[in-house]
Each structure stands twice: as structure tokens, then as C-alpha cells.
Amino acid sequence: IAEESLVARDCMLALKSGADVVIQHISSGISVDLVRTYKKMGAKLHAEATPHHFTLTEDAVLEHGTLAKMNPPLRTEKDRQAIIQGLADGTIDLIATDHAPHSEEEKRRSFTAAPFGIVGLETAVPLTISELVEKEYLTPMQMAEKMSYNPAKILGLDKGSLAEGKIADVVIIDPNEEYVIDKNTFASKGRNTPFHGRTVRGKVKVTICDGKVVYKDK
């Protein structure tokens, strides 16, 4: 209710003010419905979801404990399916990593004392390919739009395009490579992930930032 009531408020403010509003980290099916409804009414709304919210449910907490503690929390299978549908029909136009690395010591605390969040940057691409592209909810180009072009456009950045003359920020992906997520191989110093040991498809091979190779898969 805390999420849904604020999403409803912000949708109404967007409609009445004409301002652009981005709803971050949608986790509730009702929130998706609210954004969809107010978009149809003419509100300048954008919505964003994370890979963990369209991949996991609250049951992950029973299996992974604090590694599945995040804000907003994981919800029901019904909510997860609503988020997937929202991504598929364009209600949700952004996918964000929600990257929140924490030390193992922090995550070993009691559930109430441990910090919120998981490592998101390392697993965003393979989870999106495995859960959305492979299952035909999104095309590869729609995935690129939601993870690159749309965020840049909303923020007013001249990025997110491979057109000649643009800044060379490029990620090269092998969409067919299957592998098991291993937290011990992460480039991030954070290892806090509930996806360790999960088989996924889609491997980032090279990351180019401003024309320079800043990451290369071993």
C-alpha cells in the first residue's frame, strides 16, 4: 500500500501538472495498472522495473534470506507477471539494474538489521535476455531501448544510439552463450546476489565507454 498510494499520488500530479514523472522500481501489479491508466489519460509518465522484480517472487526470501532483501520488496507471482506484461506492452519503458553492492559481513546480519539491495549490474543483461527476450516478451531491440535508448532520451542525453558521430558507448553481447552465474567472478566488489548458481543465457563480452574498451570477458 505504501508503494501503490504514492504511485497513485504521483500519477495524479503528473496528469494535473503536465510534468514528466518517472516511477522507479515498480514492484506491484496495481502500480503497473495505475501507470497504464494514467498514461492513457495523457499523463507524461515513465516507469522503470528491475530484473529482480520481474524474475523473483517473495519466495526467494525463504531460500536466500538477506540476499533477497531489497526495497521495494519482492512480491507475489501475480505481481511479477503484471510487471512482465507492463514491460511487454510498453507501460514500463525502462529497465534499471538497481545496483546495490554490500559486503558479506553486512548481509550476514539478521534480516531486520541487514541492508537492502543486491548486486544488479553483473546480472541485468543475462536475466533480461533469459526472462524476457528468450521467452518472447521483448525483442532484442526492445530490450536495447529499455536499457539504453529510452533512459538516455528521458534524461535528455545524446546517447543510446549507434549512429555515426555519436559517442561510442557500446556493449557487445553474445545472446546465445549459456553459463552459470558465479558471484566469485564478479567485477564488482559486491557478491550479494540471490542469483549465484543460476543458469542464464546472454553474456556481456565487451564494454566500450567513450571509444575505449573498459571491460572484456575473459
C-alpha atoms as a PDB file:
ATOM      1  CA  ILE A   1       0.000   0.000   0.000  1.00  0.00           C
ATOM      2  CA  ALA A   2       2.917   2.343   0.729  1.00  0.00           C
ATOM      3  CA  GLU A   3       4.119   1.962  -2.862  1.00  0.00           C
ATOM      4  CA  GLU A   4       0.723   1.971  -4.534  1.00  0.00           C
ATOM      5  CA  SER A   5      -0.583   5.058  -2.712  1.00  0.00           C
ATOM      6  CA  LEU A   6       2.490   7.106  -3.667  1.00  0.00           C
ATOM      7  CA  VAL A   7       2.407   5.879  -7.261  1.00  0.00           C
ATOM      8  CA  ALA A   8      -1.266   6.938  -7.414  1.00  0.00           C
ATOM      9  CA  ARG A   9      -0.374  10.364  -5.993  1.00  0.00           C
ATOM     10  CA  ASP A  10       2.489  10.889  -8.443  1.00  0.00           C
ATOM     11  CA  CYS A  11       0.353   9.758 -11.390  1.00  0.00           C
ATOM     12  CA  MET A  12      -2.266  12.345 -10.430  1.00  0.00           C
ATOM     13  CA  LEU A  13       0.378  15.048 -10.034  1.00  0.00           C
ATOM     14  CA  ALA A  14       1.829  14.169 -13.440  1.00  0.00           C
ATOM     15  CA  LEU A  15      -1.600  14.404 -15.061  1.00  0.00           C
ATOM     16  CA  LYS A  16      -2.538  17.708 -13.433  1.00  0.00           C
ATOM     17  CA  SER A  17       0.837  19.425 -13.766  1.00  0.00           C
ATOM     18  CA  GLY A  18       1.903  18.192 -17.189  1.00  0.00           C
ATOM     19  CA  ALA A  19       5.333  17.395 -15.766  1.00  0.00           C
ATOM     20  CA  ASP A  20       7.390  14.384 -16.790  1.00  0.00           C
ATOM     21  CA  VAL A  21       7.432  11.854 -13.942  1.00  0.00           C
ATOM     22  CA  VAL A  22       9.447   8.643 -13.676  1.00  0.00           C
ATOM     23  CA  ILE A  23       8.147   5.909 -11.365  1.00  0.00           C
ATOM     24  CA  GLN A  24      11.176   3.934 -10.192  1.00  0.00           C
ATOM     25  CA  HIS A  25      11.462   0.266  -9.187  1.00  0.00           C
ATOM     26  CA  ILE A  26       7.856  -0.819  -9.776  1.00  0.00           C
ATOM     27  CA  SER A  27       7.129  -3.991  -7.820  1.00  0.00           C
ATOM     28  CA  SER A  28       3.326  -4.086  -7.605  1.00  0.00           C
ATOM     29  CA  GLY A  29       0.808  -5.096 -10.228  1.00  0.00           C
ATOM     30  CA  ILE A  30      -1.535  -2.349  -9.055  1.00  0.00           C
ATOM     31  CA  SER A  31       1.244   0.188  -9.597  1.00  0.00           C
ATOM     32  CA  VAL A  32       1.570  -1.075 -13.173  1.00  0.00           C
ATOM     33  CA  ASP A  33      -2.196  -0.694 -13.669  1.00  0.00           C
ATOM     34  CA  LEU A  34      -2.084   2.863 -12.303  1.00  0.00           C
ATOM     35  CA  VAL A  35       0.693   3.914 -14.664  1.00  0.00           C
ATOM     36  CA  ARG A  36      -1.052   2.280 -17.624  1.00  0.00           C
ATOM     37  CA  THR A  37      -4.350   4.044 -16.809  1.00  0.00           C
ATOM     38  CA  TYR A  38      -2.845   7.490 -16.318  1.00  0.00           C
ATOM     39  CA  LYS A  39      -0.710   7.192 -19.443  1.00  0.00           C
ATOM     40  CA  LYS A  40      -3.914   6.608 -21.409  1.00  0.00           C
ATOM     41  CA  MET A  41      -5.331   9.753 -19.783  1.00  0.00           C
ATOM     42  CA  GLY A  42      -2.419  11.774 -21.113  1.00  0.00           C
ATOM     43  CA  ALA A  43      -0.014  11.903 -18.184  1.00  0.00           C
ATOM     44  CA  LYS A  44       3.671  12.169 -19.157  1.00  0.00           C
ATOM     45  CA  LEU A  45       4.653   9.099 -17.203  1.00  0.00           C
ATOM     46  CA  HIS A  46       7.580   6.770 -17.478  1.00  0.00           C
ATOM     47  CA  ALA A  47       8.043   3.644 -15.398  1.00  0.00           C
ATOM     48  CA  GLU A  48      11.042   1.506 -14.577  1.00  0.00           C
ATOM     49  CA  ALA A  49      11.443  -2.063 -13.346  1.00  0.00           C
ATOM     50  CA  THR A  50      14.431  -4.114 -12.225  1.00  0.00           C
ATOM     51  CA  PRO A  51      15.475  -7.618 -13.302  1.00  0.00           C
ATOM     52  CA  HIS A  52      14.960  -8.990  -9.798  1.00  0.00           C
ATOM     53  CA  HIS A  53      11.356  -7.797  -9.692  1.00  0.00           C
ATOM     54  CA  PHE A  54      10.471  -9.485 -12.996  1.00  0.00           C
ATOM     55  CA  THR A  55      12.479 -12.612 -12.137  1.00  0.00           C
ATOM     56  CA  LEU A  56      11.927 -13.395  -8.438  1.00  0.00           C
ATOM     57  CA  THR A  57       8.998 -13.545  -6.013  1.00  0.00           C
ATOM     58  CA  GLU A  58       8.781 -13.244  -2.233  1.00  0.00           C
ATOM     59  CA  ASP A  59       9.506 -16.990  -2.027  1.00  0.00           C
ATOM     60  CA  ALA A  60      13.160 -16.151  -2.773  1.00  0.00           C
ATOM     61  CA  VAL A  61      13.447 -14.719   0.749  1.00  0.00           C
ATOM     62  CA  LEU A  62      12.811 -18.181   2.216  1.00  0.00           C
ATOM     63  CA  GLU A  63      15.628 -19.615   0.119  1.00  0.00           C
ATOM     64  CA  HIS A  64      18.170 -16.784   0.083  1.00  0.00           C
ATOM     65  CA  GLY A  65      17.426 -14.806   3.245  1.00  0.00           C
ATOM     66  CA  THR A  66      19.017 -11.343   3.329  1.00  0.00           C
ATOM     67  CA  LEU A  67      20.384 -11.811  -0.199  1.00  0.00           C
ATOM     68  CA  ALA A  68      16.776 -11.368  -1.358  1.00  0.00           C
ATOM     69  CA  LYS A  69      16.098  -8.370   0.896  1.00  0.00           C
ATOM     70  CA  MET A  70      15.515  -5.301  -1.264  1.00  0.00           C
ATOM     71  CA  ASN A  71      13.480  -2.118  -1.412  1.00  0.00           C
ATOM     72  CA  PRO A  72      10.799  -2.295  -2.658  1.00  0.00           C
ATOM     73  CA  PRO A  73      10.472  -5.905  -1.574  1.00  0.00           C
ATOM     74  CA  LEU A  74       9.902  -8.893  -3.811  1.00  0.00           C
ATOM     75  CA  ARG A  75       6.201  -9.607  -4.147  1.00  0.00           C
ATOM     76  CA  THR A  76       3.865 -12.312  -5.445  1.00  0.00           C
ATOM     77  CA  GLU A  77       3.885 -14.273  -8.691  1.00  0.00           C
ATOM     78  CA  LYS A  78       0.823 -12.250  -9.754  1.00  0.00           C
ATOM     79  CA  ASP A  79       2.797  -9.031  -9.301  1.00  0.00           C
ATOM     80  CA  ARG A  80       5.782 -10.464 -11.181  1.00  0.00           C
ATOM     81  CA  GLN A  81       3.591 -11.402 -14.135  1.00  0.00           C
ATOM     82  CA  ALA A  82       1.990  -7.940 -14.123  1.00  0.00           C
ATOM     83  CA  ILE A  83       5.443  -6.339 -14.344  1.00  0.00           C
ATOM     84  CA  ILE A  84       6.362  -8.594 -17.264  1.00  0.00           C
ATOM     85  CA  GLN A  85       3.117  -7.655 -19.035  1.00  0.00           C
ATOM     86  CA  GLY A  86       3.812  -3.987 -18.362  1.00  0.00           C
ATOM     87  CA  LEU A  87       7.232  -4.332 -19.962  1.00  0.00           C
ATOM     88  CA  ALA A  88       5.769  -6.198 -22.926  1.00  0.00           C
ATOM     89  CA  ASP A  89       3.006  -3.669 -23.663  1.00  0.00           C
ATOM     90  CA  GLY A  90       5.173  -0.577 -23.138  1.00  0.00           C
ATOM     91  CA  THR A  91       3.637   0.602 -19.870  1.00  0.00           C
ATOM     92  CA  ILE A  92       7.080   0.133 -18.322  1.00  0.00           C
ATOM     93  CA  ASP A  93       9.605   1.697 -20.670  1.00  0.00           C
ATOM     94  CA  LEU A  94      12.818   1.413 -18.635  1.00  0.00           C
ATOM     95  CA  ILE A  95      14.870  -1.419 -17.123  1.00  0.00           C
ATOM     96  CA  ALA A  96      17.366  -0.415 -14.429  1.00  0.00           C
ATOM     97  CA  THR A  97      19.955  -2.514 -12.598  1.00  0.00           C
ATOM     98  CA  ASP A  98      19.198  -1.116  -9.101  1.00  0.00           C
ATOM     99  CA  HIS A  99      22.843  -1.974  -8.356  1.00  0.00           C
ATOM    100  CA  ALA A 100      23.332  -2.021  -4.569  1.00  0.00           C
ATOM    101  CA  PRO A 101      26.533  -3.810  -3.530  1.00  0.00           C
ATOM    102  CA  HIS A 102      27.070  -4.671   0.133  1.00  0.00           C
ATOM    103  CA  SER A 103      29.737  -6.633   1.971  1.00  0.00           C
ATOM    104  CA  GLU A 104      29.193 -10.219   3.072  1.00  0.00           C
ATOM    105  CA  GLU A 105      29.525  -9.028   6.660  1.00  0.00           C
ATOM    106  CA  GLU A 106      26.637  -6.608   6.228  1.00  0.00           C
ATOM    107  CA  LYS A 107      24.401  -9.204   4.611  1.00  0.00           C
ATOM    108  CA  ARG A 108      25.199 -11.786   7.333  1.00  0.00           C
ATOM    109  CA  ARG A 109      23.379  -9.655   9.884  1.00  0.00           C
ATOM    110  CA  SER A 110      19.834 -10.522  10.984  1.00  0.00           C
ATOM    111  CA  PHE A 111      17.111  -9.943   8.424  1.00  0.00           C
ATOM    112  CA  THR A 112      15.947  -6.743  10.103  1.00  0.00           C
ATOM    113  CA  ALA A 113      19.486  -5.374  10.531  1.00  0.00           C
ATOM    114  CA  ALA A 114      20.909  -6.255   7.100  1.00  0.00           C
ATOM    115  CA  PRO A 115      20.875  -3.506   4.434  1.00  0.00           C
ATOM    116  CA  PHE A 116      18.513  -3.530   1.463  1.00  0.00           C
ATOM    117  CA  GLY A 117      19.711  -4.314  -2.040  1.00  0.00           C
ATOM    118  CA  ILE A 118      21.594  -6.712  -4.272  1.00  0.00           C
ATOM    119  CA  VAL A 119      24.310  -6.508  -6.933  1.00  0.00           C
ATOM    120  CA  GLY A 120      22.392  -5.677 -10.092  1.00  0.00           C
ATOM    121  CA  LEU A 121      24.922  -4.578 -12.704  1.00  0.00           C
ATOM    122  CA  GLU A 122      26.532  -8.005 -13.098  1.00  0.00           C
ATOM    123  CA  THR A 123      23.308  -9.876 -13.838  1.00  0.00           C
ATOM    124  CA  ALA A 124      20.986  -7.355 -15.546  1.00  0.00           C
ATOM    125  CA  VAL A 125      21.750  -8.346 -19.148  1.00  0.00           C
ATOM    126  CA  PRO A 126      21.571 -12.155 -18.809  1.00  0.00           C
ATOM    127  CA  LEU A 127      18.431 -12.017 -16.648  1.00  0.00           C
ATOM    128  CA  THR A 128      16.689  -9.719 -19.128  1.00  0.00           C
ATOM    129  CA  ILE A 129      17.657 -11.937 -22.054  1.00  0.00           C
ATOM    130  CA  SER A 130      16.721 -15.157 -20.234  1.00  0.00           C
ATOM    131  CA  GLU A 131      13.429 -13.954 -18.732  1.00  0.00           C
ATOM    132  CA  LEU A 132      12.134 -11.516 -21.355  1.00  0.00           C
ATOM    133  CA  VAL A 133      13.851 -11.959 -24.739  1.00  0.00           C
ATOM    134  CA  GLU A 134      14.151 -15.753 -24.761  1.00  0.00           C
ATOM    135  CA  LYS A 135      10.518 -16.035 -23.637  1.00  0.00           C
ATOM    136  CA  GLU A 136       9.489 -13.568 -26.368  1.00  0.00           C
ATOM    137  CA  TYR A 137       8.074 -10.841 -24.141  1.00  0.00           C
ATOM    138  CA  LEU A 138      10.572  -8.413 -25.678  1.00  0.00           C
ATOM    139  CA  THR A 139      12.564  -8.360 -28.893  1.00  0.00           C
ATOM    140  CA  PRO A 140      16.324  -7.738 -28.676  1.00  0.00           C
ATOM    141  CA  MET A 141      15.750  -4.199 -29.973  1.00  0.00           C
ATOM    142  CA  GLN A 142      13.066  -3.529 -27.348  1.00  0.00           C
ATOM    143  CA  MET A 143      15.497  -4.697 -24.681  1.00  0.00           C
ATOM    144  CA  ALA A 144      18.092  -2.241 -26.015  1.00  0.00           C
ATOM    145  CA  GLU A 145      15.516   0.536 -26.000  1.00  0.00           C
ATOM    146  CA  LYS A 146      14.519  -0.087 -22.378  1.00  0.00           C
ATOM    147  CA  MET A 147      18.085  -0.412 -21.115  1.00  0.00           C
ATOM    148  CA  SER A 148      19.808   2.253 -23.231  1.00  0.00           C
ATOM    149  CA  TYR A 149      17.885   4.422 -25.698  1.00  0.00           C
ATOM    150  CA  ASN A 150      14.845   5.264 -23.534  1.00  0.00           C
ATOM    151  CA  PRO A 151      16.842   6.191 -20.394  1.00  0.00           C
ATOM    152  CA  ALA A 152      19.066   8.497 -22.452  1.00  0.00           C
ATOM    153  CA  LYS A 153      16.071  10.089 -24.181  1.00  0.00           C
ATOM    154  CA  ILE A 154      14.204  10.715 -20.915  1.00  0.00           C
ATOM    155  CA  LEU A 155      17.302  12.253 -19.314  1.00  0.00           C
ATOM    156  CA  GLY A 156      17.945  14.421 -22.362  1.00  0.00           C
ATOM    157  CA  LEU A 157      21.300  12.775 -23.121  1.00  0.00           C
ATOM    158  CA  ASP A 158      22.596  12.457 -26.671  1.00  0.00           C
ATOM    159  CA  LYS A 159      23.364   8.781 -26.157  1.00  0.00           C
ATOM    160  CA  GLY A 160      21.809   5.357 -26.625  1.00  0.00           C
ATOM    161  CA  SER A 161      22.370   5.211 -30.372  1.00  0.00           C
ATOM    162  CA  LEU A 162      24.895   3.563 -32.687  1.00  0.00           C
ATOM    163  CA  ALA A 163      24.535   6.295 -35.316  1.00  0.00           C
ATOM    164  CA  GLU A 164      27.672   7.682 -36.918  1.00  0.00           C
ATOM    165  CA  GLY A 165      29.171  10.538 -34.940  1.00  0.00           C
ATOM    166  CA  LYS A 166      27.624   9.544 -31.608  1.00  0.00           C
ATOM    167  CA  ILE A 167      29.720   8.876 -28.511  1.00  0.00           C
ATOM    168  CA  ALA A 168      30.996   5.282 -28.679  1.00  0.00           C
ATOM    169  CA  ASP A 169      29.350   3.815 -25.584  1.00  0.00           C
ATOM    170  CA  VAL A 170      28.754   0.238 -26.722  1.00  0.00           C
ATOM    171  CA  VAL A 171      28.065  -3.104 -25.075  1.00  0.00           C
ATOM    172  CA  ILE A 172      28.779  -6.214 -27.162  1.00  0.00           C
ATOM    173  CA  ILE A 173      26.710  -9.221 -26.105  1.00  0.00           C
ATOM    174  CA  ASP A 174      26.661 -12.865 -27.130  1.00  0.00           C
ATOM    175  CA  PRO A 175      22.910 -13.501 -26.739  1.00  0.00           C
ATOM    176  CA  ASN A 176      23.252 -17.267 -27.163  1.00  0.00           C
ATOM    177  CA  GLU A 177      26.024 -18.036 -24.672  1.00  0.00           C
ATOM    178  CA  GLU A 178      24.701 -20.070 -21.760  1.00  0.00           C
ATOM    179  CA  TYR A 179      26.519 -20.047 -18.435  1.00  0.00           C
ATOM    180  CA  VAL A 180      26.058 -20.294 -14.683  1.00  0.00           C
ATOM    181  CA  ILE A 181      26.186 -17.069 -12.672  1.00  0.00           C
ATOM    182  CA  ASP A 182      29.175 -17.211 -10.331  1.00  0.00           C
ATOM    183  CA  LYS A 183      29.392 -14.395  -7.803  1.00  0.00           C
ATOM    184  CA  ASN A 184      33.103 -15.086  -7.337  1.00  0.00           C
ATOM    185  CA  THR A 185      33.810 -13.891 -10.878  1.00  0.00           C
ATOM    186  CA  PHE A 186      32.036 -10.527 -10.486  1.00  0.00           C
ATOM    187  CA  ALA A 187      33.994  -7.410 -11.376  1.00  0.00           C
ATOM    188  CA  SER A 188      32.032  -5.637  -8.652  1.00  0.00           C
ATOM    189  CA  LYS A 189      33.395  -5.861  -5.129  1.00  0.00           C
ATOM    190  CA  GLY A 190      29.874  -6.820  -4.052  1.00  0.00           C
ATOM    191  CA  ARG A 191      28.919 -10.503  -4.003  1.00  0.00           C
ATOM    192  CA  ASN A 192      25.414 -10.090  -2.583  1.00  0.00           C
ATOM    193  CA  THR A 193      23.219 -11.831  -5.128  1.00  0.00           C
ATOM    194  CA  PRO A 194      20.403 -14.392  -4.934  1.00  0.00           C
ATOM    195  CA  PHE A 195      21.263 -15.477  -8.498  1.00  0.00           C
ATOM    196  CA  HIS A 196      24.509 -17.325  -7.696  1.00  0.00           C
ATOM    197  CA  GLY A 197      24.352 -20.742  -9.386  1.00  0.00           C
ATOM    198  CA  ARG A 198      21.507 -19.787 -11.746  1.00  0.00           C
ATOM    199  CA  THR A 199      21.844 -20.850 -15.387  1.00  0.00           C
ATOM    200  CA  VAL A 200      21.245 -17.944 -17.772  1.00  0.00           C
ATOM    201  CA  ARG A 201      21.737 -17.046 -21.420  1.00  0.00           C
ATOM    202  CA  GLY A 202      23.377 -13.910 -22.765  1.00  0.00           C
ATOM    203  CA  LYS A 203      26.943 -12.883 -21.906  1.00  0.00           C
ATOM    204  CA  VAL A 204      28.459  -9.423 -21.998  1.00  0.00           C
ATOM    205  CA  LYS A 205      31.702  -9.832 -23.953  1.00  0.00           C
ATOM    206  CA  VAL A 206      32.985  -6.270 -24.283  1.00  0.00           C
ATOM    207  CA  THR A 207      32.055  -2.881 -22.848  1.00  0.00           C
ATOM    208  CA  ILE A 208      33.268   0.233 -24.644  1.00  0.00           C
ATOM    209  CA  CYS A 209      32.991   3.626 -22.938  1.00  0.00           C
ATOM    210  CA  ASP A 210      33.739   6.780 -24.913  1.00  0.00           C
ATOM    211  CA  GLY A 211      35.541   4.669 -27.517  1.00  0.00           C
ATOM    212  CA  LYS A 212      37.758   2.841 -25.010  1.00  0.00           C
ATOM    213  CA  VAL A 213      37.453  -0.823 -24.017  1.00  0.00           C
ATOM    214  CA  VAL A 214      36.817  -0.769 -20.256  1.00  0.00           C
ATOM    215  CA  TYR A 215      35.727  -4.406 -19.833  1.00  0.00           C
ATOM    216  CA  LYS A 216      36.481  -7.602 -21.712  1.00  0.00           C
ATOM    217  CA  ASP A 217      35.180 -11.054 -20.869  1.00  0.00           C
ATOM    218  CA  LYS A 218      37.991 -13.464 -20.049  1.00  0.00           C
END
